[in-house]
């Protein structure tokens, strides 16, 4: 198994599509009746960041 480098992760999370996908998911989740989907996705982001060695990505 090969893990992505911090540089590769940063390149990926900086892509405009990542932010767009996040917003699309939040809007879809709200329409489906999910409570606080933005908080859910932020929690998921924190879990992913922790798994990548604690490197914070936005």
Protein backbone atom coordinates (compact mmCIF):
# COMPACT_ATOMS: atom_id res chain seq x y z
CA UNK A 1 0.00 0.00 0.00
CA UNK A 2 1.25 3.46 -0.84
CA UNK A 3 0.13 6.45 1.21
CA UNK A 4 -0.18 9.87 -0.31
CA UNK A 5 2.46 12.36 0.69
CA UNK A 6 1.48 15.53 2.53
CA UNK A 7 2.24 17.40 -0.68
CA UNK A 8 -0.08 15.16 -2.71
CA UNK A 9 -2.84 15.50 -0.12
CA UNK A 10 -2.48 19.28 -0.15
CA UNK A 11 -2.72 19.34 -3.95
CA UNK A 12 -5.84 17.20 -3.86
CA UNK A 13 -7.70 19.11 -1.16
CA UNK A 14 -6.83 22.40 -2.88
CA UNK A 15 -8.68 21.41 -6.04
CA UNK A 16 -11.76 23.58 -6.69
CA UNK A 17 -13.84 20.42 -7.18
CA UNK A 18 -13.28 19.38 -3.56
CA UNK A 19 -14.92 22.55 -2.21
CA UNK A 20 -17.68 22.29 -4.81
CA UNK A 21 -18.36 18.65 -3.91
CA UNK A 22 -18.46 19.54 -0.21
CA UNK A 23 -21.08 22.24 -0.85
CA UNK A 24 -23.10 19.93 -3.10
CA UNK A 25 -23.12 17.24 -0.42
CA UNK A 26 -24.20 19.72 2.28
CA UNK A 27 -27.04 21.05 0.12
CA UNK A 28 -28.20 17.54 -0.81
CA UNK A 29 -28.06 16.42 2.81
CA UNK A 30 -30.09 19.46 3.92
CA UNK A 31 -32.74 18.72 1.28
CA UNK A 32 -32.87 15.11 2.48
CA UNK A 33 -33.54 16.29 6.03
CA UNK A 34 -30.12 15.80 7.61
CA UNK A 35 -29.54 17.94 10.68
CA UNK A 36 -26.39 20.07 10.64
CA UNK A 37 -24.72 18.53 7.57
CA UNK A 38 -22.01 21.20 7.57
CA UNK A 39 -20.97 20.07 11.04
CA UNK A 40 -20.97 16.45 9.90
CA UNK A 41 -18.65 17.20 6.99
CA UNK A 42 -16.35 19.24 9.25
CA UNK A 43 -16.15 16.27 11.63
CA UNK A 44 -15.32 13.99 8.70
CA UNK A 45 -12.61 16.44 7.64
CA UNK A 46 -11.14 16.38 11.16
CA UNK A 47 -11.05 12.57 11.12
CA UNK A 48 -9.32 12.55 7.73
CA UNK A 49 -6.84 15.21 8.88
CA UNK A 50 -6.05 13.20 12.00
CA UNK A 51 -5.47 10.09 9.87
CA UNK A 52 -3.06 11.97 7.63
CA UNK A 53 -0.71 12.66 10.48
CA UNK A 54 -2.56 15.65 11.83
CA UNK A 55 -1.91 17.83 8.81
CA UNK A 56 -4.82 20.26 8.65
CA UNK A 57 -6.38 20.68 5.21
CA UNK A 58 -9.14 23.01 4.14
